[in-house]
Amino acid sequence: MLRWLIYILVTANLVLFLWLGLGPDHRVPMVVQQEEGNLRIISGEPEMPEVPEVSETKQAMRYCYASLPFSNKLVADDIIETLAAEGLGTSLHKESLVQPPEYHLILPAPSESVEIIQKQLQDAGIEGAEIITAADGQQTILLDIFLVQSNMTDRIAEVESAGFAPRVLKKSGDLLLYSVHVSTELEQKEFHKLLNNRDILYDGQMFSSFPCTEIVSGNRNE
């Protein structure tokens, strides 16, 4: 009897196994979604965005100033030397100013005789004669300066009537002017204060500010 009971149980299990194995699959399939692109490993700590470094050159605000023009280059050189000693970037700029021609009425004379001839002119009633040093280093007598040559006629006749032989010297050419440009981190008020604190003859107000187009470094003469 026990043997038949075991046989029935084994047969029932076999039938149940076959029915489950051959029947429809009721399992829900797993859908795997593939994402294109690079794989990123996300750690436990969030990533901090990179902050671009700002160079010191961009951080430093610069100001540029230009002096009034000088006809004497030595004055501009003196300013540059003074400002360079303070660590300021400087540069010398030149510009030409077109000058109209001038007509100088002179009386050539040996250098040792100019004072005597000057007195003779005064005794003859000819005023305004000055002793000057010519470009060649020699002294001569300047009688007058005219911008229009035709205006010299009366003056020439006056000098000739006193027994002298004047000459006309035409002088022309562009006038060179020199200005000092400065590049610094000092604002205008501080820059003027620096100039005025120095034992120099030029006031800070002679410099005016202008937009910096380039950073000038060192002392450069053109």
N, C-alpha and C. Protein backbone atom coordinates (compact mmCIF):
# COMPACT_ATOMS: atom_id res chain seq x y z
N MET A 1 0.83 -1.20 0.00
CA MET A 1 0.00 0.00 0.00
C MET A 1 0.86 1.25 0.00
N LEU A 2 1.90 1.20 0.82
CA LEU A 2 2.83 2.36 0.88
C LEU A 2 3.55 2.56 -0.44
N ARG A 3 3.87 1.44 -1.10
CA ARG A 3 4.57 1.53 -2.37
C ARG A 3 3.70 2.19 -3.42
N TRP A 4 2.40 1.88 -3.45
CA TRP A 4 1.50 2.51 -4.40
C TRP A 4 1.35 4.00 -4.12
N LEU A 5 1.36 4.39 -2.87
CA LEU A 5 1.24 5.81 -2.52
C LEU A 5 2.45 6.60 -3.01
N ILE A 6 3.63 6.00 -2.85
CA ILE A 6 4.85 6.68 -3.33
C ILE A 6 4.83 6.78 -4.84
N TYR A 7 4.35 5.76 -5.54
CA TYR A 7 4.29 5.75 -7.00
C TYR A 7 3.37 6.84 -7.48
N ILE A 8 2.21 7.01 -6.80
CA ILE A 8 1.25 8.04 -7.21
C ILE A 8 1.84 9.43 -7.04
N LEU A 9 2.55 9.69 -5.92
CA LEU A 9 3.15 11.01 -5.67
C LEU A 9 4.23 11.34 -6.70
N VAL A 10 5.06 10.35 -7.04
CA VAL A 10 6.13 10.58 -8.03
C VAL A 10 5.53 10.88 -9.38
N THR A 11 4.46 10.14 -9.73
CA THR A 11 3.82 10.37 -11.03
C THR A 11 3.20 11.75 -11.10
N ALA A 12 2.58 12.20 -9.99
CA ALA A 12 1.96 13.53 -9.97
C ALA A 12 3.01 14.63 -10.11
N ASN A 13 4.12 14.46 -9.44
CA ASN A 13 5.21 15.47 -9.54
C ASN A 13 5.76 15.53 -10.96
N LEU A 14 5.89 14.35 -11.61
CA LEU A 14 6.42 14.31 -12.96
C LEU A 14 5.49 15.02 -13.91
N VAL A 15 4.17 14.78 -13.76
CA VAL A 15 3.20 15.44 -14.64
C VAL A 15 3.22 16.95 -14.43
N LEU A 16 3.30 17.38 -13.16
CA LEU A 16 3.35 18.83 -12.88
C LEU A 16 4.60 19.49 -13.45
N PHE A 17 5.73 18.81 -13.39
CA PHE A 17 7.00 19.35 -13.91
C PHE A 17 6.93 19.51 -15.42
N LEU A 18 6.38 18.45 -16.08
CA LEU A 18 6.27 18.52 -17.53
C LEU A 18 5.32 19.63 -17.97
N TRP A 19 4.25 19.82 -17.22
CA TRP A 19 3.28 20.86 -17.58
C TRP A 19 3.86 22.26 -17.43
N LEU A 20 4.64 22.48 -16.37
CA LEU A 20 5.28 23.79 -16.16
C LEU A 20 6.39 24.05 -17.17
N GLY A 21 7.12 23.05 -17.57
CA GLY A 21 8.24 23.23 -18.49
C GLY A 21 7.81 23.45 -19.91
N LEU A 22 6.74 22.83 -20.34
CA LEU A 22 6.31 22.93 -21.73
C LEU A 22 5.27 24.01 -21.95
N GLY A 23 4.71 24.61 -20.90
CA GLY A 23 3.67 25.62 -21.04
C GLY A 23 4.23 26.96 -21.45
N PRO A 24 3.34 27.97 -21.65
CA PRO A 24 3.80 29.33 -22.05
C PRO A 24 4.64 29.98 -20.96
N ASP A 25 5.62 30.78 -21.40
CA ASP A 25 6.53 31.47 -20.47
C ASP A 25 5.85 32.74 -19.98
N HIS A 26 5.51 32.77 -18.68
CA HIS A 26 4.83 33.92 -18.10
C HIS A 26 5.79 34.92 -17.46
N ARG A 27 7.08 34.74 -17.66
CA ARG A 27 8.05 35.67 -17.08
C ARG A 27 8.08 36.97 -17.88
N VAL A 28 8.27 38.10 -17.18
CA VAL A 28 8.36 39.41 -17.83
C VAL A 28 9.80 39.65 -18.27
N PRO A 29 10.02 39.84 -19.58
CA PRO A 29 11.41 40.04 -20.03
C PRO A 29 11.97 41.36 -19.53
N MET A 30 13.27 41.42 -19.29
CA MET A 30 13.96 42.63 -18.83
C MET A 30 14.48 43.38 -20.06
N VAL A 31 14.06 44.62 -20.16
CA VAL A 31 14.49 45.45 -21.28
C VAL A 31 15.72 46.25 -20.85
N VAL A 32 16.80 46.08 -21.55
CA VAL A 32 18.05 46.79 -21.26
C VAL A 32 18.21 47.92 -22.27
N GLN A 33 18.22 49.15 -21.81
CA GLN A 33 18.35 50.32 -22.69
C GLN A 33 19.81 50.74 -22.72
N GLN A 34 20.36 50.79 -23.91
CA GLN A 34 21.76 51.16 -24.09
C GLN A 34 21.85 52.63 -24.47
N GLU A 35 22.58 53.42 -23.71
CA GLU A 35 22.74 54.85 -23.98
C GLU A 35 24.09 55.09 -24.64
N GLU A 36 24.03 55.73 -25.79
CA GLU A 36 25.27 56.02 -26.50
C GLU A 36 26.01 57.16 -25.83
N GLY A 37 27.29 57.14 -26.01
CA GLY A 37 28.11 58.20 -25.42
C GLY A 37 29.16 57.62 -24.50
N ASN A 38 29.96 58.52 -23.93
CA ASN A 38 31.02 58.09 -23.03
C ASN A 38 30.44 57.72 -21.68
N LEU A 39 31.00 56.70 -21.11
CA LEU A 39 30.60 56.29 -19.77
C LEU A 39 31.23 57.21 -18.75
N ARG A 40 30.48 57.62 -17.77
CA ARG A 40 30.98 58.48 -16.70
C ARG A 40 30.83 57.75 -15.39
N ILE A 41 31.88 57.75 -14.64
CA ILE A 41 31.85 57.14 -13.31
C ILE A 41 31.51 58.23 -12.32
N ILE A 42 30.38 58.11 -11.71
CA ILE A 42 29.91 59.11 -10.75
C ILE A 42 30.30 58.66 -9.37
N SER A 43 31.16 59.44 -8.76
CA SER A 43 31.61 59.09 -7.42
C SER A 43 30.63 59.66 -6.41
N GLY A 44 30.92 59.41 -5.17
CA GLY A 44 30.04 59.88 -4.12
C GLY A 44 30.10 61.39 -3.95
N GLU A 45 31.23 62.03 -4.33
CA GLU A 45 31.37 63.47 -4.16
C GLU A 45 31.06 64.19 -5.47
N PRO A 46 30.27 65.27 -5.45
CA PRO A 46 29.95 66.00 -6.69
C PRO A 46 31.17 66.72 -7.23
N GLU A 47 31.24 66.82 -8.57
CA GLU A 47 32.36 67.50 -9.20
C GLU A 47 32.19 69.01 -9.08
N MET A 48 33.29 69.71 -8.75
CA MET A 48 33.28 71.16 -8.65
C MET A 48 33.68 71.76 -9.99
N PRO A 49 32.96 72.76 -10.49
CA PRO A 49 33.33 73.36 -11.78
C PRO A 49 34.68 74.07 -11.68
N GLU A 50 35.45 73.97 -12.77
CA GLU A 50 36.77 74.59 -12.79
C GLU A 50 36.62 76.09 -12.98
N VAL A 51 37.31 76.85 -12.16
CA VAL A 51 37.29 78.31 -12.24
C VAL A 51 38.53 78.76 -12.98
N PRO A 52 38.39 79.43 -14.15
CA PRO A 52 39.59 79.86 -14.89
C PRO A 52 40.40 80.86 -14.09
N GLU A 53 41.70 80.69 -14.16
CA GLU A 53 42.60 81.59 -13.45
C GLU A 53 42.69 82.92 -14.18
N VAL A 54 42.63 83.99 -13.44
CA VAL A 54 42.76 85.34 -14.00
C VAL A 54 44.18 85.82 -13.77
N SER A 55 44.86 86.14 -14.85
CA SER A 55 46.25 86.56 -14.73
C SER A 55 46.35 87.91 -14.04
N GLU A 56 47.51 88.18 -13.47
CA GLU A 56 47.72 89.44 -12.78
C GLU A 56 47.69 90.62 -13.74
N THR A 57 48.07 90.35 -15.02
CA THR A 57 48.08 91.43 -16.00
C THR A 57 46.67 91.95 -16.26
N LYS A 58 45.67 91.00 -16.29
CA LYS A 58 44.30 91.43 -16.54
C LYS A 58 43.70 92.09 -15.31
N GLN A 59 44.17 91.70 -14.13
CA GLN A 59 43.63 92.26 -12.92
C GLN A 59 44.08 93.71 -12.71
N ALA A 60 45.30 94.00 -13.14
CA ALA A 60 45.86 95.34 -12.90
C ALA A 60 45.30 96.34 -13.91
N MET A 61 44.62 97.35 -13.42
CA MET A 61 44.08 98.41 -14.26
C MET A 61 45.17 99.44 -14.51
N ARG A 62 45.38 99.80 -15.78
CA ARG A 62 46.44 100.74 -16.11
C ARG A 62 45.83 102.05 -16.61
N TYR A 63 46.58 103.11 -16.38
CA TYR A 63 46.17 104.45 -16.81
C TYR A 63 47.31 105.06 -17.63
N CYS A 64 46.96 105.80 -18.65
CA CYS A 64 47.97 106.41 -19.52
C CYS A 64 47.80 107.93 -19.52
N TYR A 65 48.95 108.62 -19.54
CA TYR A 65 48.95 110.08 -19.50
C TYR A 65 49.94 110.59 -20.55
N ALA A 66 49.66 111.78 -21.05
CA ALA A 66 50.55 112.42 -22.02
C ALA A 66 50.80 113.86 -21.58
N SER A 67 52.05 114.27 -21.71
CA SER A 67 52.40 115.64 -21.31
C SER A 67 52.11 116.61 -22.45
N LEU A 68 52.15 117.88 -22.11
CA LEU A 68 52.10 118.91 -23.15
C LEU A 68 53.36 118.81 -24.00
N PRO A 69 53.30 119.19 -25.27
CA PRO A 69 54.50 119.11 -26.11
C PRO A 69 55.53 120.17 -25.74
N PHE A 70 56.80 119.79 -25.89
CA PHE A 70 57.92 120.70 -25.63
C PHE A 70 58.73 120.85 -26.90
N SER A 71 59.20 122.05 -27.15
CA SER A 71 60.09 122.26 -28.29
C SER A 71 61.53 121.91 -27.93
N ASN A 72 61.82 121.84 -26.64
CA ASN A 72 63.16 121.49 -26.17
C ASN A 72 63.17 120.04 -25.71
N LYS A 73 63.92 119.20 -26.39
CA LYS A 73 63.98 117.77 -26.06
C LYS A 73 64.57 117.53 -24.68
N LEU A 74 65.46 118.42 -24.23
CA LEU A 74 66.09 118.23 -22.92
C LEU A 74 65.06 118.26 -21.80
N VAL A 75 64.02 119.08 -21.95
CA VAL A 75 62.96 119.13 -20.94
C VAL A 75 62.23 117.80 -20.87
N ALA A 76 61.90 117.23 -22.04
CA ALA A 76 61.22 115.93 -22.08
C ALA A 76 62.11 114.83 -21.50
N ASP A 77 63.40 114.88 -21.82
CA ASP A 77 64.33 113.88 -21.27
C ASP A 77 64.40 113.97 -19.75
N ASP A 78 64.36 115.18 -19.23
CA ASP A 78 64.42 115.37 -17.78
C ASP A 78 63.17 114.78 -17.11
N ILE A 79 62.01 114.96 -17.73
CA ILE A 79 60.77 114.40 -17.18
C ILE A 79 60.84 112.87 -17.19
N ILE A 80 61.31 112.31 -18.29
CA ILE A 80 61.41 110.85 -18.40
C ILE A 80 62.34 110.29 -17.33
N GLU A 81 63.47 110.95 -17.12
CA GLU A 81 64.42 110.49 -16.10
C GLU A 81 63.78 110.53 -14.71
N THR A 82 63.02 111.58 -14.43
CA THR A 82 62.37 111.70 -13.12
C THR A 82 61.33 110.61 -12.91
N LEU A 83 60.49 110.37 -13.92
CA LEU A 83 59.42 109.39 -13.78
C LEU A 83 59.95 107.96 -13.80
N ALA A 84 61.01 107.72 -14.57
CA ALA A 84 61.60 106.38 -14.59
C ALA A 84 62.19 106.03 -13.23
N ALA A 85 62.71 107.04 -12.52
CA ALA A 85 63.24 106.79 -11.17
C ALA A 85 62.14 106.38 -10.20
N GLU A 86 60.89 106.72 -10.52
CA GLU A 86 59.75 106.33 -9.69
C GLU A 86 59.17 104.99 -10.13
N GLY A 87 59.78 104.35 -11.13
CA GLY A 87 59.32 103.05 -11.59
C GLY A 87 58.17 103.10 -12.57
N LEU A 88 57.92 104.25 -13.17
CA LEU A 88 56.82 104.39 -14.13
C LEU A 88 57.31 104.09 -15.54
N GLY A 89 56.46 103.44 -16.33
CA GLY A 89 56.79 103.20 -17.73
C GLY A 89 56.63 104.47 -18.54
N THR A 90 57.64 104.85 -19.28
CA THR A 90 57.60 106.10 -20.04
C THR A 90 58.06 105.87 -21.47
N SER A 91 57.66 106.76 -22.35
CA SER A 91 58.15 106.75 -23.73
C SER A 91 58.13 108.18 -24.26
N LEU A 92 59.06 108.45 -25.17
CA LEU A 92 59.19 109.78 -25.76
C LEU A 92 58.56 109.77 -27.15
N HIS A 93 57.66 110.71 -27.41
CA HIS A 93 56.98 110.78 -28.70
C HIS A 93 57.31 112.10 -29.39
N LYS A 94 57.53 112.02 -30.70
CA LYS A 94 57.88 113.20 -31.48
C LYS A 94 56.79 113.47 -32.53
N GLU A 95 56.57 114.75 -32.79
CA GLU A 95 55.66 115.14 -33.86
C GLU A 95 56.19 116.41 -34.50
N SER A 96 55.91 116.54 -35.78
CA SER A 96 56.39 117.70 -36.53
C SER A 96 55.27 118.71 -36.70
N LEU A 97 55.59 119.95 -36.44
CA LEU A 97 54.64 121.04 -36.62
C LEU A 97 55.11 121.88 -37.81
N VAL A 98 54.26 121.95 -38.82
CA VAL A 98 54.62 122.69 -40.03
C VAL A 98 54.66 124.18 -39.71
N GLN A 99 55.80 124.78 -39.97
CA GLN A 99 56.01 126.19 -39.69
C GLN A 99 56.01 127.00 -40.98
N PRO A 100 55.36 128.13 -41.00
CA PRO A 100 55.46 129.00 -42.18
C PRO A 100 56.87 129.59 -42.25
N PRO A 101 57.34 129.91 -43.43
CA PRO A 101 58.70 130.46 -43.54
C PRO A 101 58.80 131.84 -42.88
N GLU A 102 59.98 132.12 -42.35
CA GLU A 102 60.27 133.43 -41.76
C GLU A 102 61.42 134.07 -42.53
N TYR A 103 61.38 135.39 -42.62
CA TYR A 103 62.43 136.14 -43.31
C TYR A 103 63.17 136.99 -42.28
N HIS A 104 64.42 136.63 -42.07
CA HIS A 104 65.24 137.32 -41.08
C HIS A 104 66.12 138.36 -41.80
N LEU A 105 66.05 139.58 -41.31
CA LEU A 105 66.91 140.64 -41.84
C LEU A 105 68.12 140.76 -40.91
N ILE A 106 69.29 140.39 -41.43
CA ILE A 106 70.49 140.36 -40.60
C ILE A 106 71.56 141.29 -41.19
N LEU A 107 72.52 141.58 -40.35
CA LEU A 107 73.66 142.39 -40.78
C LEU A 107 74.92 141.62 -40.43
N PRO A 108 75.50 140.91 -41.41
CA PRO A 108 76.70 140.12 -41.14
C PRO A 108 77.83 141.00 -40.64
N ALA A 109 78.55 140.47 -39.66
CA ALA A 109 79.68 141.21 -39.09
C ALA A 109 80.57 140.23 -38.35
N PRO A 110 81.86 140.48 -38.28
CA PRO A 110 82.75 139.62 -37.49
C PRO A 110 82.32 139.63 -36.03
N SER A 111 82.48 138.49 -35.38
CA SER A 111 82.03 138.37 -33.99
C SER A 111 82.65 139.42 -33.09
N GLU A 112 83.91 139.76 -33.36
CA GLU A 112 84.57 140.73 -32.49
C GLU A 112 84.09 142.16 -32.72
N SER A 113 83.29 142.37 -33.79
CA SER A 113 82.84 143.73 -34.12
C SER A 113 81.34 143.94 -33.92
N VAL A 114 80.60 142.91 -33.51
CA VAL A 114 79.13 143.02 -33.46
C VAL A 114 78.67 144.10 -32.47
N GLU A 115 79.33 144.21 -31.34
CA GLU A 115 78.91 145.21 -30.35
C GLU A 115 79.16 146.63 -30.88
N ILE A 116 80.28 146.80 -31.59
CA ILE A 116 80.58 148.12 -32.15
C ILE A 116 79.54 148.50 -33.20
N ILE A 117 79.22 147.53 -34.09
CA ILE A 117 78.24 147.81 -35.15
C ILE A 117 76.85 148.03 -34.56
N GLN A 118 76.52 147.30 -33.52
CA GLN A 118 75.22 147.51 -32.87
C GLN A 118 75.10 148.94 -32.35
N LYS A 119 76.19 149.47 -31.77
CA LYS A 119 76.18 150.85 -31.26
C LYS A 119 76.06 151.85 -32.42
N GLN A 120 76.73 151.54 -33.55
CA GLN A 120 76.64 152.42 -34.71
C GLN A 120 75.21 152.49 -35.25
N LEU A 121 74.53 151.35 -35.24
CA LEU A 121 73.13 151.33 -35.68
C LEU A 121 72.25 152.18 -34.76
N GLN A 122 72.49 152.06 -33.46
CA GLN A 122 71.71 152.85 -32.51
C GLN A 122 71.97 154.35 -32.70
N ASP A 123 73.24 154.69 -32.93
CA ASP A 123 73.58 156.10 -33.15
C ASP A 123 72.93 156.63 -34.43
N ALA A 124 72.70 155.72 -35.41
CA ALA A 124 72.07 156.14 -36.67
C ALA A 124 70.55 156.16 -36.57
N GLY A 125 70.02 155.84 -35.39
CA GLY A 125 68.57 155.87 -35.20
C GLY A 125 67.86 154.59 -35.60
N ILE A 126 68.62 153.54 -35.83
CA ILE A 126 68.02 152.25 -36.21
C ILE A 126 67.86 151.41 -34.95
N GLU A 127 66.62 151.23 -34.53
CA GLU A 127 66.34 150.52 -33.28
C GLU A 127 66.03 149.03 -33.54
N GLY A 128 66.11 148.26 -32.49
CA GLY A 128 65.71 146.84 -32.57
C GLY A 128 66.80 145.90 -32.99
N ALA A 129 68.04 146.37 -33.16
CA ALA A 129 69.13 145.47 -33.56
C ALA A 129 69.56 144.62 -32.37
N GLU A 130 69.60 143.29 -32.56
CA GLU A 130 69.98 142.36 -31.49
C GLU A 130 71.17 141.52 -31.93
N ILE A 131 72.00 141.18 -30.97
CA ILE A 131 73.12 140.28 -31.24
C ILE A 131 72.65 138.85 -30.96
N ILE A 132 72.78 137.99 -31.97
CA ILE A 132 72.36 136.60 -31.82
C ILE A 132 73.51 135.68 -32.23
N THR A 133 73.37 134.42 -31.89
CA THR A 133 74.34 133.41 -32.30
C THR A 133 73.74 132.59 -33.43
N ALA A 134 74.38 132.58 -34.56
CA ALA A 134 73.87 131.87 -35.73
C ALA A 134 74.07 130.36 -35.57
N ALA A 135 73.53 129.60 -36.55
CA ALA A 135 73.63 128.14 -36.48
C ALA A 135 75.06 127.66 -36.55
N ASP A 136 75.93 128.45 -37.18
CA ASP A 136 77.34 128.04 -37.28
C ASP A 136 78.14 128.43 -36.04
N GLY A 137 77.45 128.99 -35.03
CA GLY A 137 78.14 129.35 -33.79
C GLY A 137 78.70 130.76 -33.78
N GLN A 138 78.62 131.45 -34.92
CA GLN A 138 79.14 132.81 -35.00
C GLN A 138 78.06 133.82 -34.61
N GLN A 139 78.50 134.92 -33.99
CA GLN A 139 77.57 135.97 -33.62
C GLN A 139 77.29 136.88 -34.82
N THR A 140 76.06 137.35 -34.88
CA THR A 140 75.66 138.26 -35.95
C THR A 140 74.59 139.20 -35.41
N ILE A 141 74.17 140.16 -36.22
CA ILE A 141 73.18 141.15 -35.78
C ILE A 141 71.85 140.88 -36.49
N LEU A 142 70.81 140.70 -35.70
CA LEU A 142 69.46 140.50 -36.24
C LEU A 142 68.72 141.83 -36.17
N LEU A 143 68.29 142.30 -37.34
CA LEU A 143 67.60 143.59 -37.41
C LEU A 143 66.08 143.45 -37.25
N ASP A 144 65.51 142.40 -37.86
CA ASP A 144 64.06 142.24 -37.79
C ASP A 144 63.67 140.87 -38.34
N ILE A 145 62.42 140.46 -38.07
CA ILE A 145 61.87 139.20 -38.58
C ILE A 145 60.51 139.51 -39.22
N PHE A 146 60.32 138.99 -40.44
CA PHE A 146 59.07 139.21 -41.17
C PHE A 146 58.50 137.87 -41.63
N LEU A 147 57.17 137.78 -41.64
CA LEU A 147 56.50 136.59 -42.17
C LEU A 147 56.18 136.75 -43.65
N VAL A 148 56.11 138.01 -44.12
CA VAL A 148 55.86 138.29 -45.54
C VAL A 148 57.05 139.08 -46.07
N GLN A 149 57.67 138.56 -47.12
CA GLN A 149 58.91 139.16 -47.61
C GLN A 149 58.69 140.58 -48.13
N SER A 150 57.55 140.84 -48.70
CA SER A 150 57.31 142.18 -49.27
C SER A 150 57.23 143.26 -48.20
N ASN A 151 57.00 142.85 -46.95
CA ASN A 151 56.92 143.84 -45.87
C ASN A 151 58.30 144.33 -45.41
N MET A 152 59.37 143.77 -46.00
CA MET A 152 60.72 144.12 -45.56
C MET A 152 61.26 145.35 -46.29
N THR A 153 60.58 145.81 -47.30
CA THR A 153 61.12 146.86 -48.17
C THR A 153 61.51 148.12 -47.40
N ASP A 154 60.61 148.62 -46.58
CA ASP A 154 60.89 149.86 -45.85
C ASP A 154 62.03 149.69 -44.86
N ARG A 155 62.07 148.54 -44.20
CA ARG A 155 63.13 148.32 -43.20
C ARG A 155 64.49 148.22 -43.88
N ILE A 156 64.54 147.56 -45.02
CA ILE A 156 65.81 147.45 -45.75
C ILE A 156 66.29 148.84 -46.20
N ALA A 157 65.38 149.64 -46.69
CA ALA A 157 65.74 150.99 -47.15
C ALA A 157 66.25 151.83 -45.98
N GLU A 158 65.67 151.66 -44.80
CA GLU A 158 66.11 152.42 -43.62
C GLU A 158 67.54 152.07 -43.25
N VAL A 159 67.86 150.78 -43.26
CA VAL A 159 69.21 150.35 -42.86
C VAL A 159 70.23 150.76 -43.92
N GLU A 160 69.86 150.62 -45.18
CA GLU A 160 70.79 150.98 -46.25
C GLU A 160 71.06 152.48 -46.27
N SER A 161 70.07 153.28 -45.91
CA SER A 161 70.27 154.73 -45.90
C SER A 161 71.27 155.16 -44.84
N ALA A 162 71.50 154.30 -43.84
CA ALA A 162 72.47 154.61 -42.79
C ALA A 162 73.86 154.09 -43.14
N GLY A 163 74.00 153.53 -44.35
CA GLY A 163 75.31 153.09 -44.81
C GLY A 163 75.61 151.63 -44.52
N PHE A 164 74.62 150.85 -44.21
CA PHE A 164 74.85 149.42 -43.93
C PHE A 164 74.25 148.57 -45.05
N ALA A 165 74.75 147.35 -45.18
CA ALA A 165 74.29 146.44 -46.24
C ALA A 165 73.67 145.19 -45.60
N PRO A 166 72.38 145.23 -45.31
CA PRO A 166 71.74 144.06 -44.68
C PRO A 166 71.50 142.93 -45.68
N ARG A 167 71.25 141.75 -45.13
CA ARG A 167 70.95 140.57 -45.94
C ARG A 167 69.66 139.93 -45.45
N VAL A 168 68.97 139.27 -46.39
CA VAL A 168 67.72 138.57 -46.06
C VAL A 168 68.02 137.08 -45.96
N LEU A 169 67.65 136.50 -44.84
CA LEU A 169 67.85 135.07 -44.63
C LEU A 169 66.48 134.41 -44.43
N LYS A 170 66.13 133.51 -45.35
CA LYS A 170 64.85 132.80 -45.25
C LYS A 170 65.03 131.54 -44.40
N LYS A 171 64.21 131.42 -43.39
CA LYS A 171 64.27 130.25 -42.51
C LYS A 171 62.95 129.50 -42.60
N SER A 172 63.04 128.22 -42.89
CA SER A 172 61.86 127.38 -42.99
C SER A 172 62.19 126.00 -42.44
N GLY A 173 61.17 125.21 -42.30
CA GLY A 173 61.37 123.86 -41.76
C GLY A 173 60.37 123.55 -40.68
N ASP A 174 60.11 122.27 -40.50
CA ASP A 174 59.15 121.85 -39.49
C ASP A 174 59.75 121.98 -38.10
N LEU A 175 58.88 122.29 -37.16
CA LEU A 175 59.29 122.39 -35.76
C LEU A 175 59.01 121.06 -35.07
N LEU A 176 60.04 120.47 -34.47
CA LEU A 176 59.87 119.20 -33.76
C LEU A 176 59.38 119.47 -32.34
N LEU A 177 58.33 118.76 -31.96
CA LEU A 177 57.79 118.85 -30.61
C LEU A 177 57.90 117.49 -29.93
N TYR A 178 58.17 117.51 -28.63
CA TYR A 178 58.39 116.28 -27.87
C TYR A 178 57.38 116.21 -26.72
N SER A 179 56.77 115.05 -26.57
CA SER A 179 55.86 114.83 -25.44
C SER A 179 56.20 113.51 -24.77
N VAL A 180 55.87 113.42 -23.50
CA VAL A 180 56.16 112.23 -22.70
C VAL A 180 54.86 111.47 -22.45
N HIS A 181 54.86 110.18 -22.78
CA HIS A 181 53.72 109.32 -22.51
C HIS A 181 54.06 108.41 -21.34
N VAL A 182 53.10 108.22 -20.45
CA VAL A 182 53.31 107.45 -19.22
C VAL A 182 52.24 106.38 -19.09
N SER A 183 52.65 105.18 -18.70
CA SER A 183 51.72 104.09 -18.40
C SER A 183 51.94 103.66 -16.96
N THR A 184 50.88 103.69 -16.15
CA THR A 184 51.02 103.41 -14.72
C THR A 184 49.71 102.87 -14.16
N GLU A 185 49.77 102.30 -12.97
CA GLU A 185 48.58 101.85 -12.27
C GLU A 185 48.00 102.96 -11.38
N LEU A 186 48.66 104.10 -11.35
CA LEU A 186 48.19 105.22 -10.52
C LEU A 186 47.05 105.96 -11.21
N GLU A 187 45.99 106.23 -10.47
CA GLU A 187 44.93 107.05 -11.00
C GLU A 187 45.41 108.50 -11.11
N GLN A 188 44.63 109.32 -11.81
CA GLN A 188 45.09 110.68 -12.14
C GLN A 188 45.43 111.49 -10.89
N LYS A 189 44.60 111.41 -9.86
CA LYS A 189 44.85 112.18 -8.65
C LYS A 189 46.15 111.74 -7.98
N GLU A 190 46.36 110.43 -7.90
CA GLU A 190 47.59 109.92 -7.28
C GLU A 190 48.81 110.24 -8.14
N PHE A 191 48.62 110.19 -9.46
CA PHE A 191 49.73 110.50 -10.36
C PHE A 191 50.15 111.95 -10.23
N HIS A 192 49.20 112.86 -10.19
CA HIS A 192 49.52 114.28 -10.02
C HIS A 192 50.15 114.54 -8.65
N LYS A 193 49.70 113.82 -7.65
CA LYS A 193 50.27 113.99 -6.31
C LYS A 193 51.73 113.55 -6.30
N LEU A 194 52.02 112.47 -7.02
CA LEU A 194 53.41 112.00 -7.10
C LEU A 194 54.29 113.05 -7.76
N LEU A 195 53.80 113.66 -8.85
CA LEU A 195 54.60 114.68 -9.54
C LEU A 195 54.82 115.90 -8.66
N ASN A 196 53.78 116.33 -7.97
CA ASN A 196 53.89 117.53 -7.16
C ASN A 196 54.73 117.32 -5.91
N ASN A 197 54.84 116.07 -5.46
CA ASN A 197 55.67 115.78 -4.29
C ASN A 197 57.15 115.76 -4.64
N ARG A 198 57.43 115.61 -5.93
CA ARG A 198 58.82 115.62 -6.38
C ARG A 198 59.31 117.07 -6.45
N ASP A 199 60.59 117.24 -6.26
CA ASP A 199 61.19 118.57 -6.34
C ASP A 199 61.48 118.88 -7.80
N ILE A 200 60.42 119.12 -8.57
CA ILE A 200 60.55 119.39 -10.00
C ILE A 200 59.77 120.66 -10.33
N LEU A 201 60.01 121.19 -11.53
CA LEU A 201 59.43 122.47 -11.90
C LEU A 201 58.09 122.33 -12.60
N TYR A 202 57.75 121.13 -13.08
CA TYR A 202 56.51 120.99 -13.83
C TYR A 202 55.40 120.47 -12.93
N ASP A 203 54.25 121.09 -13.06
CA ASP A 203 53.09 120.73 -12.25
C ASP A 203 52.38 119.51 -12.84
N GLY A 204 51.71 118.75 -11.98
CA GLY A 204 51.02 117.56 -12.45
C GLY A 204 49.93 117.85 -13.46
N GLN A 205 49.37 119.06 -13.43
CA GLN A 205 48.27 119.39 -14.33
C GLN A 205 48.71 119.46 -15.78
N MET A 206 50.01 119.43 -16.05
CA MET A 206 50.47 119.49 -17.42
C MET A 206 50.26 118.16 -18.14
N PHE A 207 49.89 117.10 -17.40
CA PHE A 207 49.62 115.80 -18.00
C PHE A 207 48.12 115.60 -18.13
N SER A 208 47.70 115.07 -19.26
CA SER A 208 46.29 114.73 -19.47
C SER A 208 46.18 113.24 -19.74
N SER A 209 45.06 112.65 -19.35
CA SER A 209 44.88 111.21 -19.52
C SER A 209 44.35 110.91 -20.91
N PHE A 210 44.65 109.70 -21.40
CA PHE A 210 44.13 109.24 -22.68
C PHE A 210 44.00 107.72 -22.62
N PRO A 211 43.16 107.11 -23.47
CA PRO A 211 42.97 105.65 -23.42
C PRO A 211 44.26 104.91 -23.72
N CYS A 212 44.52 103.89 -22.94
CA CYS A 212 45.72 103.08 -23.15
C CYS A 212 45.50 102.17 -24.36
N THR A 213 46.33 102.32 -25.36
CA THR A 213 46.29 101.43 -26.51
C THR A 213 47.31 100.33 -26.39
N GLU A 214 48.31 100.55 -25.59
CA GLU A 214 49.32 99.53 -25.34
C GLU A 214 49.96 99.81 -24.01
N ILE A 215 50.50 98.78 -23.41
CA ILE A 215 51.19 98.93 -22.13
C ILE A 215 52.64 99.25 -22.41
N VAL A 216 53.08 100.38 -21.94
CA VAL A 216 54.45 100.82 -22.14
C VAL A 216 55.26 100.39 -20.94
N SER A 217 56.33 99.69 -21.19
CA SER A 217 57.17 99.25 -20.08
C SER A 217 58.58 99.74 -20.32
N GLY A 218 59.22 100.13 -19.27
CA GLY A 218 60.59 100.58 -19.37
C GLY A 218 60.68 102.00 -19.87
N ASN A 219 61.89 102.41 -20.18
CA ASN A 219 62.14 103.77 -20.64
C ASN A 219 62.57 103.70 -22.09
N ARG A 220 61.75 104.21 -23.00
CA ARG A 220 62.03 104.09 -24.42
C ARG A 220 62.08 105.46 -25.05
N ASN A 221 63.16 105.73 -25.74
CA ASN A 221 63.30 107.00 -26.46
C ASN A 221 63.20 106.71 -27.94
N GLU A 222 62.50 107.53 -28.62
CA GLU A 222 62.38 107.38 -30.07
C GLU A 222 63.20 108.46 -30.77
